[in-house]
């Protein structure tokens, strides 16, 4: 995640506040529930790259011996695997 996790709730609150103040949305649930749901959605979207990076690390564990022998550069292999998964899954980072 490119922003601190502690920023998600205040950012979400600001977004919800602005949407409500400008009458761009009309909530069908209590404001606190709206904030909780929106925060979960935003947090999930911001965490996509973190989850992808973890998956790439797990995939690369299979190639530890090759990487240790210097036959493969970890960083370049990491980037290639990550890009392949991004393209296959149509992920927007």
PDB file of N, CA and C in Angstrom:
ATOM      1  N   UNK A   1       0.857  -1.159   0.000  1.00  0.00           N
ATOM      2  CA  UNK A   1       0.000   0.000   0.000  1.00  0.00           C
ATOM      3  C   UNK A   1       0.907   1.227   0.000  1.00  0.00           C
ATOM      4  N   UNK A   2       0.568   2.170  -0.823  1.00  0.00           N
ATOM      5  CA  UNK A   2       1.422   3.338  -0.980  1.00  0.00           C
ATOM      6  C   UNK A   2       1.147   4.445   0.020  1.00  0.00           C
ATOM      7  N   UNK A   3       0.079   4.319   0.767  1.00  0.00           N
ATOM      8  CA  UNK A   3      -0.186   5.290   1.830  1.00  0.00           C
ATOM      9  C   UNK A   3      -0.296   4.523   3.141  1.00  0.00           C
ATOM     10  N   UNK A   4      -0.010   5.181   4.251  1.00  0.00           N
ATOM     11  CA  UNK A   4      -0.128   4.484   5.533  1.00  0.00           C
ATOM     12  C   UNK A   4      -1.566   4.024   5.796  1.00  0.00           C
ATOM     13  N   UNK A   5      -1.680   2.861   6.388  1.00  0.00           N
ATOM     14  CA  UNK A   5      -3.006   2.308   6.696  1.00  0.00           C
ATOM     15  C   UNK A   5      -3.818   3.247   7.588  1.00  0.00           C
ATOM     16  N   UNK A   6      -3.136   3.984   8.422  1.00  0.00           N
ATOM     17  CA  UNK A   6      -3.827   4.883   9.351  1.00  0.00           C
ATOM     18  C   UNK A   6      -4.483   6.060   8.621  1.00  0.00           C
ATOM     19  N   UNK A   7      -4.133   6.278   7.384  1.00  0.00           N
ATOM     20  CA  UNK A   7      -4.717   7.372   6.605  1.00  0.00           C
ATOM     21  C   UNK A   7      -6.040   6.986   5.948  1.00  0.00           C
ATOM     22  N   UNK A   8      -6.304   5.690   5.831  1.00  0.00           N
ATOM     23  CA  UNK A   8      -7.480   5.237   5.079  1.00  0.00           C
ATOM     24  C   UNK A   8      -8.776   5.746   5.702  1.00  0.00           C
ATOM     25  N   UNK A   9      -8.936   5.604   6.995  1.00  0.00           N
ATOM     26  CA  UNK A   9     -10.182   6.039   7.655  1.00  0.00           C
ATOM     27  C   UNK A   9     -10.396   7.549   7.498  1.00  0.00           C
ATOM     28  N   UNK A  10      -9.395   8.397   7.813  1.00  0.00           N
ATOM     29  CA  UNK A  10      -9.617   9.829   7.627  1.00  0.00           C
ATOM     30  C   UNK A  10      -9.890  10.220   6.169  1.00  0.00           C
ATOM     31  N   UNK A  11      -9.195   9.598   5.231  1.00  0.00           N
ATOM     32  CA  UNK A  11      -9.450   9.884   3.816  1.00  0.00           C
ATOM     33  C   UNK A  11     -10.866   9.494   3.420  1.00  0.00           C
ATOM     34  N   UNK A  12     -11.278   8.335   3.870  1.00  0.00           N
ATOM     35  CA  UNK A  12     -12.632   7.865   3.576  1.00  0.00           C
ATOM     36  C   UNK A  12     -13.666   8.811   4.183  1.00  0.00           C
ATOM     37  N   UNK A  13     -13.411   9.230   5.414  1.00  0.00           N
ATOM     38  CA  UNK A  13     -14.323  10.170   6.071  1.00  0.00           C
ATOM     39  C   UNK A  13     -14.442  11.466   5.297  1.00  0.00           C
ATOM     40  N   UNK A  14     -13.333  11.942   4.794  1.00  0.00           N
ATOM     41  CA  UNK A  14     -13.340  13.194   4.018  1.00  0.00           C
ATOM     42  C   UNK A  14     -14.125  13.017   2.722  1.00  0.00           C
ATOM     43  N   UNK A  15     -13.927  11.893   2.059  1.00  0.00           N
ATOM     44  CA  UNK A  15     -14.648  11.618   0.809  1.00  0.00           C
ATOM     45  C   UNK A  15     -16.145  11.554   1.070  1.00  0.00           C
ATOM     46  N   UNK A  16     -16.534  10.784   2.081  1.00  0.00           N
ATOM     47  CA  UNK A  16     -17.961  10.646   2.412  1.00  0.00           C
ATOM     48  C   UNK A  16     -18.542  12.002   2.797  1.00  0.00           C
ATOM     49  N   UNK A  17     -17.826  12.744   3.620  1.00  0.00           N
ATOM     50  CA  UNK A  17     -18.298  14.061   4.048  1.00  0.00           C
ATOM     51  C   UNK A  17     -18.536  14.964   2.835  1.00  0.00           C
ATOM     52  N   UNK A  18     -17.573  15.014   1.921  1.00  0.00           N
ATOM     53  CA  UNK A  18     -17.709  15.866   0.731  1.00  0.00           C
ATOM     54  C   UNK A  18     -18.874  15.417  -0.158  1.00  0.00           C
ATOM     55  N   UNK A  19     -19.036  14.120  -0.315  1.00  0.00           N
ATOM     56  CA  UNK A  19     -20.138  13.614  -1.134  1.00  0.00           C
ATOM     57  C   UNK A  19     -21.489  13.976  -0.517  1.00  0.00           C
ATOM     58  N   UNK A  20     -21.591  13.835   0.790  1.00  0.00           N
ATOM     59  CA  UNK A  20     -22.836  14.176   1.486  1.00  0.00           C
ATOM     60  C   UNK A  20     -23.089  15.685   1.446  1.00  0.00           C
ATOM     61  N   UNK A  21     -22.058  16.456   1.710  1.00  0.00           N
ATOM     62  CA  UNK A  21     -22.204  17.910   1.750  1.00  0.00           C
ATOM     63  C   UNK A  21     -22.625  18.475   0.392  1.00  0.00           C
ATOM     64  N   UNK A  22     -22.107  17.907  -0.672  1.00  0.00           N
ATOM     65  CA  UNK A  22     -22.445  18.366  -2.025  1.00  0.00           C
ATOM     66  C   UNK A  22     -23.673  17.659  -2.590  1.00  0.00           C
ATOM     67  N   UNK A  23     -24.318  16.892  -1.741  1.00  0.00           N
ATOM     68  CA  UNK A  23     -25.544  16.165  -2.117  1.00  0.00           C
ATOM     69  C   UNK A  23     -25.361  15.304  -3.370  1.00  0.00           C
ATOM     70  N   UNK A  24     -24.186  14.687  -3.451  1.00  0.00           N
ATOM     71  CA  UNK A  24     -23.916  13.793  -4.565  1.00  0.00           C
ATOM     72  C   UNK A  24     -24.360  12.368  -4.268  1.00  0.00           C
ATOM     73  N   UNK A  25     -24.561  12.087  -3.005  1.00  0.00           N
ATOM     74  CA  UNK A  25     -25.107  10.790  -2.598  1.00  0.00           C
ATOM     75  C   UNK A  25     -26.164  11.022  -1.537  1.00  0.00           C
ATOM     76  N   UNK A  26     -27.078  10.085  -1.458  1.00  0.00           N
ATOM     77  CA  UNK A  26     -28.081  10.085  -0.394  1.00  0.00           C
ATOM     78  C   UNK A  26     -27.987   8.728   0.282  1.00  0.00           C
ATOM     79  N   UNK A  27     -27.413   8.692   1.477  1.00  0.00           N
ATOM     80  CA  UNK A  27     -27.182   7.401   2.131  1.00  0.00           C
ATOM     81  C   UNK A  27     -28.478   6.693   2.516  1.00  0.00           C
ATOM     82  N   UNK A  28     -28.454   5.395   2.348  1.00  0.00           N
ATOM     83  CA  UNK A  28     -29.588   4.564   2.736  1.00  0.00           C
ATOM     84  C   UNK A  28     -29.322   3.858   4.061  1.00  0.00           C
ATOM     85  N   UNK A  29     -28.122   4.081   4.595  1.00  0.00           N
ATOM     86  CA  UNK A  29     -27.729   3.482   5.879  1.00  0.00           C
ATOM     87  C   UNK A  29     -27.191   4.589   6.774  1.00  0.00           C
ATOM     88  N   UNK A  30     -26.973   4.259   8.028  1.00  0.00           N
ATOM     89  CA  UNK A  30     -26.416   5.225   8.978  1.00  0.00           C
ATOM     90  C   UNK A  30     -25.042   5.689   8.509  1.00  0.00           C
ATOM     91  N   UNK A  31     -24.691   6.941   8.766  1.00  0.00           N
ATOM     92  CA  UNK A  31     -23.395   7.471   8.316  1.00  0.00           C
ATOM     93  C   UNK A  31     -22.195   6.635   8.765  1.00  0.00           C
ATOM     94  N   UNK A  32     -22.236   6.118   9.985  1.00  0.00           N
ATOM     95  CA  UNK A  32     -21.108   5.304  10.474  1.00  0.00           C
ATOM     96  C   UNK A  32     -20.978   4.006   9.684  1.00  0.00           C
ATOM     97  N   UNK A  33     -22.109   3.396   9.343  1.00  0.00           N
ATOM     98  CA  UNK A  33     -22.069   2.174   8.535  1.00  0.00           C
ATOM     99  C   UNK A  33     -21.575   2.487   7.129  1.00  0.00           C
ATOM    100  N   UNK A  34     -22.005   3.603   6.582  1.00  0.00           N
ATOM    101  CA  UNK A  34     -21.534   4.034   5.269  1.00  0.00           C
ATOM    102  C   UNK A  34     -20.025   4.223   5.287  1.00  0.00           C
ATOM    103  N   UNK A  35     -19.530   4.858   6.327  1.00  0.00           N
ATOM    104  CA  UNK A  35     -18.090   5.082   6.467  1.00  0.00           C
ATOM    105  C   UNK A  35     -17.344   3.754   6.582  1.00  0.00           C
ATOM    106  N   UNK A  36     -17.871   2.829   7.388  1.00  0.00           N
ATOM    107  CA  UNK A  36     -17.234   1.517   7.548  1.00  0.00           C
ATOM    108  C   UNK A  36     -17.162   0.762   6.224  1.00  0.00           C
ATOM    109  N   UNK A  37     -18.271   0.745   5.493  1.00  0.00           N
ATOM    110  CA  UNK A  37     -18.313   0.022   4.216  1.00  0.00           C
ATOM    111  C   UNK A  37     -17.385   0.660   3.181  1.00  0.00           C
ATOM    112  N   UNK A  38     -17.418   1.978   3.097  1.00  0.00           N
ATOM    113  CA  UNK A  38     -16.555   2.675   2.146  1.00  0.00           C
ATOM    114  C   UNK A  38     -15.087   2.463   2.494  1.00  0.00           C
ATOM    115  N   UNK A  39     -14.768   2.476   3.777  1.00  0.00           N
ATOM    116  CA  UNK A  39     -13.389   2.248   4.208  1.00  0.00           C
ATOM    117  C   UNK A  39     -12.919   0.851   3.801  1.00  0.00           C
ATOM    118  N   UNK A  40     -13.776  -0.136   3.981  1.00  0.00           N
ATOM    119  CA  UNK A  40     -13.406  -1.504   3.603  1.00  0.00           C
ATOM    120  C   UNK A  40     -13.139  -1.606   2.104  1.00  0.00           C
ATOM    121  N   UNK A  41     -13.956  -0.948   1.313  1.00  0.00           N
ATOM    122  CA  UNK A  41     -13.783  -0.980  -0.144  1.00  0.00           C
ATOM    123  C   UNK A  41     -12.477  -0.291  -0.539  1.00  0.00           C
ATOM    124  N   UNK A  42     -12.258   0.891  -0.002  1.00  0.00           N
ATOM    125  CA  UNK A  42     -11.039   1.639  -0.341  1.00  0.00           C
ATOM    126  C   UNK A  42      -9.804   0.889   0.133  1.00  0.00           C
ATOM    127  N   UNK A  43      -9.841   0.358   1.330  1.00  0.00           N
ATOM    128  CA  UNK A  43      -8.707  -0.408   1.856  1.00  0.00           C
ATOM    129  C   UNK A  43      -8.422  -1.620   0.966  1.00  0.00           C
ATOM    130  N   UNK A  44      -9.479  -2.297   0.541  1.00  0.00           N
ATOM    131  CA  UNK A  44      -9.307  -3.458  -0.333  1.00  0.00           C
ATOM    132  C   UNK A  44      -8.636  -3.090  -1.646  1.00  0.00           C
ATOM    133  N   UNK A  45      -9.053  -1.971  -2.218  1.00  0.00           N
ATOM    134  CA  UNK A  45      -8.453  -1.527  -3.478  1.00  0.00           C
ATOM    135  C   UNK A  45      -6.998  -1.119  -3.296  1.00  0.00           C
ATOM    136  N   UNK A  46      -6.705  -0.459  -2.189  1.00  0.00           N
ATOM    137  CA  UNK A  46      -5.332  -0.031  -1.937  1.00  0.00           C
ATOM    138  C   UNK A  46      -4.415  -1.207  -1.600  1.00  0.00           C
ATOM    139  N   UNK A  47      -4.985  -2.314  -1.169  1.00  0.00           N
ATOM    140  CA  UNK A  47      -4.201  -3.485  -0.775  1.00  0.00           C
ATOM    141  C   UNK A  47      -3.941  -4.462  -1.919  1.00  0.00           C
ATOM    142  N   UNK A  48      -4.488  -4.204  -3.083  1.00  0.00           N
ATOM    143  CA  UNK A  48      -4.334  -5.127  -4.214  1.00  0.00           C
ATOM    144  C   UNK A  48      -2.861  -5.379  -4.516  1.00  0.00           C
ATOM    145  N   UNK A  49      -2.073  -4.323  -4.584  1.00  0.00           N
ATOM    146  CA  UNK A  49      -0.661  -4.493  -4.918  1.00  0.00           C
ATOM    147  C   UNK A  49       0.093  -5.241  -3.823  1.00  0.00           C
ATOM    148  N   UNK A  50      -0.253  -5.005  -2.568  1.00  0.00           N
ATOM    149  CA  UNK A  50       0.384  -5.732  -1.468  1.00  0.00           C
ATOM    150  C   UNK A  50       0.128  -7.233  -1.595  1.00  0.00           C
ATOM    151  N   UNK A  51      -1.117  -7.591  -1.863  1.00  0.00           N
ATOM    152  CA  UNK A  51      -1.459  -9.016  -2.008  1.00  0.00           C
ATOM    153  C   UNK A  51      -0.760  -9.617  -3.221  1.00  0.00           C
ATOM    154  N   UNK A  52      -0.678  -8.862  -4.300  1.00  0.00           N
ATOM    155  CA  UNK A  52      -0.001  -9.340  -5.505  1.00  0.00           C
ATOM    156  C   UNK A  52       1.486  -9.556  -5.220  1.00  0.00           C
ATOM    157  N   UNK A  53       2.125  -8.613  -4.547  1.00  0.00           N
ATOM    158  CA  UNK A  53       3.543  -8.755  -4.209  1.00  0.00           C
ATOM    159  C   UNK A  53       3.788  -9.990  -3.359  1.00  0.00           C
ATOM    160  N   UNK A  54       2.907 -10.251  -2.415  1.00  0.00           N
ATOM    161  CA  UNK A  54       3.049 -11.439  -1.568  1.00  0.00           C
ATOM    162  C   UNK A  54       2.913 -12.715  -2.403  1.00  0.00           C
ATOM    163  N   UNK A  55       1.977 -12.713  -3.330  1.00  0.00           N
ATOM    164  CA  UNK A  55       1.809 -13.878  -4.207  1.00  0.00           C
ATOM    165  C   UNK A  55       3.057 -14.102  -5.061  1.00  0.00           C
ATOM    166  N   UNK A  56       3.635 -13.040  -5.579  1.00  0.00           N
ATOM    167  CA  UNK A  56       4.855 -13.154  -6.380  1.00  0.00           C
ATOM    168  C   UNK A  56       5.984 -13.718  -5.525  1.00  0.00           C
ATOM    169  N   UNK A  57       6.118 -13.248  -4.294  1.00  0.00           N
ATOM    170  CA  UNK A  57       7.156 -13.782  -3.400  1.00  0.00           C
ATOM    171  C   UNK A  57       6.988 -15.278  -3.187  1.00  0.00           C
ATOM    172  N   UNK A  58       5.728 -15.714  -3.020  1.00  0.00           N
ATOM    173  CA  UNK A  58       5.461 -17.142  -2.837  1.00  0.00           C
ATOM    174  C   UNK A  58       5.852 -17.936  -4.088  1.00  0.00           C
ATOM    175  N   UNK A  59       5.544 -17.401  -5.254  1.00  0.00           N
ATOM    176  CA  UNK A  59       5.900 -18.066  -6.513  1.00  0.00           C
ATOM    177  C   UNK A  59       7.417 -18.178  -6.636  1.00  0.00           C
ATOM    178  N   UNK A  60       8.130 -17.108  -6.278  1.00  0.00           N
ATOM    179  CA  UNK A  60       9.580 -17.086  -6.441  1.00  0.00           C
ATOM    180  C   UNK A  60      10.311 -17.978  -5.451  1.00  0.00           C
ATOM    181  N   UNK A  61       9.642 -18.394  -4.381  1.00  0.00           N
ATOM    182  CA  UNK A  61      10.274 -19.326  -3.440  1.00  0.00           C
ATOM    183  C   UNK A  61      10.666 -20.620  -4.136  1.00  0.00           C
ATOM    184  N   UNK A  62       9.958 -20.949  -5.194  1.00  0.00           N
ATOM    185  CA  UNK A  62      10.263 -22.162  -5.957  1.00  0.00           C
ATOM    186  C   UNK A  62      11.618 -22.060  -6.661  1.00  0.00           C
ATOM    187  N   UNK A  63      12.085 -20.854  -6.845  1.00  0.00           N
ATOM    188  CA  UNK A  63      13.321 -20.630  -7.586  1.00  0.00           C
ATOM    189  C   UNK A  63      14.462 -20.166  -6.688  1.00  0.00           C
ATOM    190  N   UNK A  64      14.344 -20.418  -5.386  1.00  0.00           N
ATOM    191  CA  UNK A  64      15.364 -19.986  -4.433  1.00  0.00           C
ATOM    192  C   UNK A  64      16.762 -20.478  -4.808  1.00  0.00           C
ATOM    193  N   UNK A  65      16.873 -21.741  -5.187  1.00  0.00           N
ATOM    194  CA  UNK A  65      18.207 -22.285  -5.484  1.00  0.00           C
ATOM    195  C   UNK A  65      18.824 -21.605  -6.704  1.00  0.00           C
ATOM    196  N   UNK A  66      18.021 -21.340  -7.714  1.00  0.00           N
ATOM    197  CA  UNK A  66      18.524 -20.657  -8.910  1.00  0.00           C
ATOM    198  C   UNK A  66      18.949 -19.225  -8.580  1.00  0.00           C
ATOM    199  N   UNK A  67      18.169 -18.577  -7.755  1.00  0.00           N
ATOM    200  CA  UNK A  67      18.467 -17.196  -7.372  1.00  0.00           C
ATOM    201  C   UNK A  67      19.748 -17.162  -6.531  1.00  0.00           C
ATOM    202  N   UNK A  68      19.870 -18.099  -5.592  1.00  0.00           N
ATOM    203  CA  UNK A  68      21.054 -18.154  -4.733  1.00  0.00           C
ATOM    204  C   UNK A  68      22.315 -18.447  -5.539  1.00  0.00           C
ATOM    205  N   UNK A  69      22.206 -19.243  -6.582  1.00  0.00           N
ATOM    206  CA  UNK A  69      23.367 -19.563  -7.419  1.00  0.00           C
ATOM    207  C   UNK A  69      23.728 -18.411  -8.347  1.00  0.00           C
ATOM    208  N   UNK A  70      22.896 -17.390  -8.367  1.00  0.00           N
ATOM    209  CA  UNK A  70      23.193 -16.228  -9.196  1.00  0.00           C
ATOM    210  C   UNK A  70      22.792 -16.386 -10.644  1.00  0.00           C
ATOM    211  N   UNK A  71      22.059 -17.428 -10.955  1.00  0.00           N
ATOM    212  CA  UNK A  71      21.629 -17.661 -12.336  1.00  0.00           C
ATOM    213  C   UNK A  71      20.492 -16.743 -12.748  1.00  0.00           C
ATOM    214  N   UNK A  72      19.737 -16.295 -11.740  1.00  0.00           N
ATOM    215  CA  UNK A  72      18.577 -15.446 -11.995  1.00  0.00           C
ATOM    216  C   UNK A  72      18.618 -14.267 -11.026  1.00  0.00           C
ATOM    217  N   UNK A  73      18.358 -13.078 -11.533  1.00  0.00           N
ATOM    218  CA  UNK A  73      18.300 -11.890 -10.693  1.00  0.00           C
ATOM    219  C   UNK A  73      16.910 -11.796 -10.071  1.00  0.00           C
ATOM    220  N   UNK A  74      16.866 -11.753  -8.732  1.00  0.00           N
ATOM    221  CA  UNK A  74      15.586 -11.752  -8.014  1.00  0.00           C
ATOM    222  C   UNK A  74      14.706 -10.585  -8.429  1.00  0.00           C
ATOM    223  N   UNK A  75      15.268  -9.395  -8.478  1.00  0.00           N
ATOM    224  CA  UNK A  75      14.482  -8.193  -8.777  1.00  0.00           C
ATOM    225  C   UNK A  75      13.867  -8.268 -10.169  1.00  0.00           C
ATOM    226  N   UNK A  76      14.655  -8.649 -11.150  1.00  0.00           N
ATOM    227  CA  UNK A  76      14.108  -8.710 -12.519  1.00  0.00           C
ATOM    228  C   UNK A  76      13.077  -9.825 -12.645  1.00  0.00           C
ATOM    229  N   UNK A  77      13.321 -10.957 -11.989  1.00  0.00           N
ATOM    230  CA  UNK A  77      12.356 -12.051 -12.018  1.00  0.00           C
ATOM    231  C   UNK A  77      11.068 -11.636 -11.313  1.00  0.00           C
ATOM    232  N   UNK A  78      11.202 -10.962 -10.174  1.00  0.00           N
ATOM    233  CA  UNK A  78      10.037 -10.459  -9.436  1.00  0.00           C
ATOM    234  C   UNK A  78       9.203  -9.549 -10.334  1.00  0.00           C
ATOM    235  N   UNK A  79       9.865  -8.607 -10.991  1.00  0.00           N
ATOM    236  CA  UNK A  79       9.157  -7.661 -11.864  1.00  0.00           C
ATOM    237  C   UNK A  79       8.464  -8.368 -13.025  1.00  0.00           C
ATOM    238  N   UNK A  80       9.146  -9.349 -13.627  1.00  0.00           N
ATOM    239  CA  UNK A  80       8.536 -10.077 -14.751  1.00  0.00           C
ATOM    240  C   UNK A  80       7.319 -10.876 -14.322  1.00  0.00           C
ATOM    241  N   UNK A  81       7.424 -11.576 -13.200  1.00  0.00           N
ATOM    242  CA  UNK A  81       6.298 -12.375 -12.704  1.00  0.00           C
ATOM    243  C   UNK A  81       5.135 -11.461 -12.340  1.00  0.00           C
ATOM    244  N   UNK A  82       5.443 -10.361 -11.687  1.00  0.00           N
ATOM    245  CA  UNK A  82       4.398  -9.421 -11.288  1.00  0.00           C
ATOM    246  C   UNK A  82       3.689  -8.860 -12.521  1.00  0.00           C
ATOM    247  N   UNK A  83       4.439  -8.440 -13.519  1.00  0.00           N
ATOM    248  CA  UNK A  83       3.837  -7.897 -14.738  1.00  0.00           C
ATOM    249  C   UNK A  83       2.965  -8.940 -15.443  1.00  0.00           C
ATOM    250  N   UNK A  84       3.427 -10.178 -15.442  1.00  0.00           N
ATOM    251  CA  UNK A  84       2.645 -11.240 -16.076  1.00  0.00           C
ATOM    252  C   UNK A  84       1.307 -11.428 -15.359  1.00  0.00           C
ATOM    253  N   UNK A  85       1.336 -11.437 -14.036  1.00  0.00           N
ATOM    254  CA  UNK A  85       0.092 -11.590 -13.278  1.00  0.00           C
ATOM    255  C   UNK A  85      -0.826 -10.383 -13.470  1.00  0.00           C
ATOM    256  N   UNK A  86      -0.253  -9.200 -13.532  1.00  0.00           N
ATOM    257  CA  UNK A  86      -1.049  -7.981 -13.757  1.00  0.00           C
ATOM    258  C   UNK A  86      -1.765  -8.076 -15.094  1.00  0.00           C
ATOM    259  N   UNK A  87      -1.038  -8.496 -16.128  1.00  0.00           N
ATOM    260  CA  UNK A  87      -1.657  -8.605 -17.460  1.00  0.00           C
ATOM    261  C   UNK A  87      -2.697  -9.701 -17.508  1.00  0.00           C
ATOM    262  N   UNK A  88      -2.401 -10.855 -16.936  1.00  0.00           N
ATOM    263  CA  UNK A  88      -3.337 -11.978 -16.952  1.00  0.00           C
ATOM    264  C   UNK A  88      -4.646 -11.650 -16.235  1.00  0.00           C
ATOM    265  N   UNK A  89      -4.540 -10.882 -15.165  1.00  0.00           N
ATOM    266  CA  UNK A  89      -5.719 -10.600 -14.332  1.00  0.00           C
ATOM    267  C   UNK A  89      -6.323  -9.225 -14.572  1.00  0.00           C
ATOM    268  N   UNK A  90      -5.757  -8.495 -15.508  1.00  0.00           N
ATOM    269  CA  UNK A  90      -6.240  -7.130 -15.804  1.00  0.00           C
ATOM    270  C   UNK A  90      -6.311  -6.272 -14.541  1.00  0.00           C
ATOM    271  N   UNK A  91      -5.238  -6.301 -13.779  1.00  0.00           N
ATOM    272  CA  UNK A  91      -5.163  -5.536 -12.533  1.00  0.00           C
ATOM    273  C   UNK A  91      -4.681  -4.124 -12.858  1.00  0.00           C
ATOM    274  N   UNK A  92      -5.311  -3.149 -12.251  1.00  0.00           N
ATOM    275  CA  UNK A  92      -4.863  -1.768 -12.391  1.00  0.00           C
ATOM    276  C   UNK A  92      -4.137  -1.385 -11.108  1.00  0.00           C
ATOM    277  N   UNK A  93      -2.869  -1.029 -11.243  1.00  0.00           N
ATOM    278  CA  UNK A  93      -2.083  -0.631 -10.064  1.00  0.00           C
ATOM    279  C   UNK A  93      -1.927   0.862  -9.994  1.00  0.00           C
TER     280      UNK A  93
END
